[in-house]
Protein backbone atom coordinates (compact mmCIF):
# COMPACT_ATOMS: atom_id res chain seq x y z
CA LYS A 1 0.00 0.00 0.00
CA GLU A 2 2.73 2.50 0.94
CA ASP A 3 4.55 1.79 -2.33
CA VAL A 4 1.43 2.57 -4.37
CA VAL A 5 0.84 5.79 -2.45
CA LYS A 6 4.45 6.91 -3.03
CA ARG A 7 4.27 6.14 -6.74
CA LEU A 8 0.98 7.97 -7.24
CA ALA A 9 2.25 11.00 -5.32
CA ALA A 10 5.41 11.02 -7.45
CA LEU A 11 3.16 11.11 -10.54
CA SER A 12 1.32 14.18 -9.18
CA TYR A 13 -1.89 12.49 -8.07
CA ASP A 14 -3.26 14.37 -5.05
CA LEU A 15 -4.45 11.53 -2.83
CA GLU A 16 -6.11 14.00 -0.45
CA ARG A 17 -8.68 14.82 -3.15
CA PHE A 18 -11.55 12.43 -3.77
CA SER A 19 -14.96 12.65 -5.40
CA GLU A 20 -17.70 10.58 -6.96
CA ARG A 21 -19.05 10.85 -10.49
CA THR A 22 -20.71 8.81 -13.21
CA TRP A 23 -18.87 7.26 -16.15
CA ASN A 24 -20.78 5.49 -18.94
CA HIS A 25 -23.91 5.54 -16.76
CA GLU A 26 -22.10 3.81 -13.87
CA PRO A 27 -21.02 5.34 -10.54
CA VAL A 28 -17.26 5.81 -10.08
CA TYR A 29 -14.83 7.00 -7.44
CA VAL A 30 -12.41 9.67 -8.63
CA ILE A 31 -9.02 9.68 -6.92
CA GLY A 32 -6.98 12.85 -7.23
CA ALA A 33 -9.73 15.34 -8.07
CA ALA A 34 -12.52 17.13 -6.25
CA ALA A 35 -16.00 17.27 -7.78
CA GLY A 36 -15.97 19.24 -11.04
CA ASP A 37 -12.17 19.21 -11.33
CA THR A 38 -11.20 18.41 -14.92
CA VAL A 39 -7.58 19.55 -14.84
CA SER A 40 -5.87 17.49 -12.11
CA ASN A 41 -4.32 14.07 -12.64
CA GLN A 42 -7.02 11.60 -11.69
CA ILE A 43 -7.93 7.93 -11.64
CA TRP A 44 -11.54 6.82 -12.07
CA VAL A 45 -12.53 3.54 -10.41
CA ASP A 46 -15.77 1.62 -11.01
CA LYS A 47 -17.62 1.55 -7.65
CA LYS A 48 -19.13 -1.89 -8.15
CA ASN A 49 -16.08 -3.82 -9.37
CA LEU A 50 -13.28 -1.57 -8.04
CA CYS A 51 -11.37 -1.54 -11.31
CA VAL A 52 -9.86 1.42 -13.12
CA VAL A 53 -12.02 2.66 -15.98
CA ARG A 54 -10.30 5.96 -16.76
CA ASN A 55 -7.03 7.72 -16.03
CA ILE A 56 -6.38 11.38 -16.85
CA THR A 57 -2.72 12.40 -16.73
CA HIS A 58 -1.09 15.67 -17.71
CA LEU A 59 2.01 14.77 -19.68
CA SER A 60 3.00 18.42 -19.99
CA PRO A 61 1.29 21.80 -19.58
CA TYR A 62 0.00 21.38 -23.14
CA GLU A 63 -0.67 17.64 -23.39
CA VAL A 64 -3.30 15.57 -21.56
CA LEU A 65 -3.51 11.78 -21.81
CA ASP A 66 -6.97 10.34 -21.18
CA MET A 67 -6.88 6.52 -20.98
CA ARG A 68 -10.33 4.89 -21.12
CA VAL A 69 -11.14 1.23 -20.55
CA GLU A 70 -13.95 0.77 -23.06
CA SER A 71 -14.64 -2.93 -22.42
CA ARG A 72 -13.48 -5.71 -20.13
CA ILE A 73 -14.35 -9.30 -19.31
CA PRO A 74 -14.30 -11.24 -16.03
CA SER A 75 -11.05 -13.14 -15.54
CA CYS A 76 -9.44 -15.04 -12.65
CA GLY A 77 -11.52 -13.26 -9.99
CA GLY A 78 -10.92 -9.84 -11.53
CA PHE A 79 -11.21 -8.27 -14.95
CA LEU A 80 -9.21 -8.21 -18.17
CA GLU A 81 -9.40 -5.15 -20.40
CA THR A 82 -10.32 -6.03 -23.97
CA ARG A 83 -10.55 -2.53 -25.45
CA VAL A 84 -8.61 0.51 -24.25
CA GLY A 85 -8.56 3.93 -25.90
CA PHE A 86 -5.78 6.47 -25.42
CA TYR A 87 -6.77 10.06 -26.15
CA ILE A 88 -4.30 12.95 -26.35
CA ASN A 89 -5.93 16.36 -25.91
CA GLY A 90 -9.33 14.79 -26.65
CA ARG A 91 -8.27 13.08 -29.90
CA LEU A 92 -8.00 9.30 -30.18
CA ASP A 93 -4.29 8.54 -30.50
CA GLN A 94 -4.17 4.78 -29.96
CA LEU A 95 -6.73 2.00 -29.63
CA GLU A 96 -5.85 -1.41 -28.24
CA GLU A 97 -8.21 -4.35 -28.76
CA TYR A 98 -7.64 -7.88 -27.51
CA ASN A 99 -9.48 -10.85 -29.03
CA ASP A 100 -9.36 -14.65 -28.92
CA ILE A 101 -8.14 -14.56 -25.33
CA ALA A 102 -7.28 -17.99 -23.93
CA PHE A 103 -7.44 -18.46 -20.17
CA ASN A 104 -4.99 -20.88 -18.59
CA PRO A 105 -3.59 -22.21 -21.88
CA LYS A 106 -1.26 -25.19 -21.78
CA ILE A 107 2.26 -23.98 -22.44
CA ASP A 108 5.12 -26.34 -23.16
CA PRO A 109 7.63 -26.01 -20.28
CA ALA A 110 10.40 -25.94 -22.93
CA VAL A 111 9.33 -22.34 -23.68
CA PHE A 112 11.01 -21.36 -20.40
CA ASP A 113 14.22 -23.29 -21.06
CA PRO A 114 16.98 -20.83 -22.11
CA ALA A 115 18.77 -23.61 -24.00
CA LYS A 116 15.75 -23.92 -26.32
CA PHE A 117 15.32 -20.19 -26.92
CA GLY A 118 14.07 -19.51 -30.45
CA THR A 119 13.25 -23.15 -31.21
CA VAL A 120 10.10 -23.58 -29.09
CA HIS A 121 7.19 -21.14 -29.29
CA TRP A 122 4.19 -20.54 -27.07
CA LYS A 123 1.89 -19.10 -29.74
CA LYS A 124 -0.06 -21.31 -32.10
CA ASN A 125 0.96 -21.25 -35.72
CA SER A 126 -1.40 -18.76 -37.43
CA SER A 127 -1.90 -21.19 -40.33
CA SER A 128 -3.17 -23.98 -38.05
CA PRO A 129 -6.95 -24.34 -37.68
CA LYS A 130 -8.46 -22.85 -34.54
CA SER A 131 -10.06 -25.21 -32.08
CA HIS A 132 -13.06 -24.09 -30.04
């Protein structure tokens, strides 16, 4: 806990400020910003699932990064983001989408053997048929 607090403070998140808002019709906690504050570095956390749904960070006085988790799926007792948008000064700069996610896949232990580096691969061959 102390490590997280130190890191967030070093990144200019004011942990003394806290508010509640709505994001995509869902209630969220906002860490680092009082109600109505749109200029401070802030992290938005879904109240129900306690996962980050948005992060607003000022990269410079002229550049604001707004990271938005646009979709996620339940995974291993938590959530896995499947679509994340990165906006710079309000304009979409990068979109990451994750598909065909395999949970707990069987991985050949040889993948972790340094002596076999480059000869054994964890990913299926893209030309092989998919099994469902």
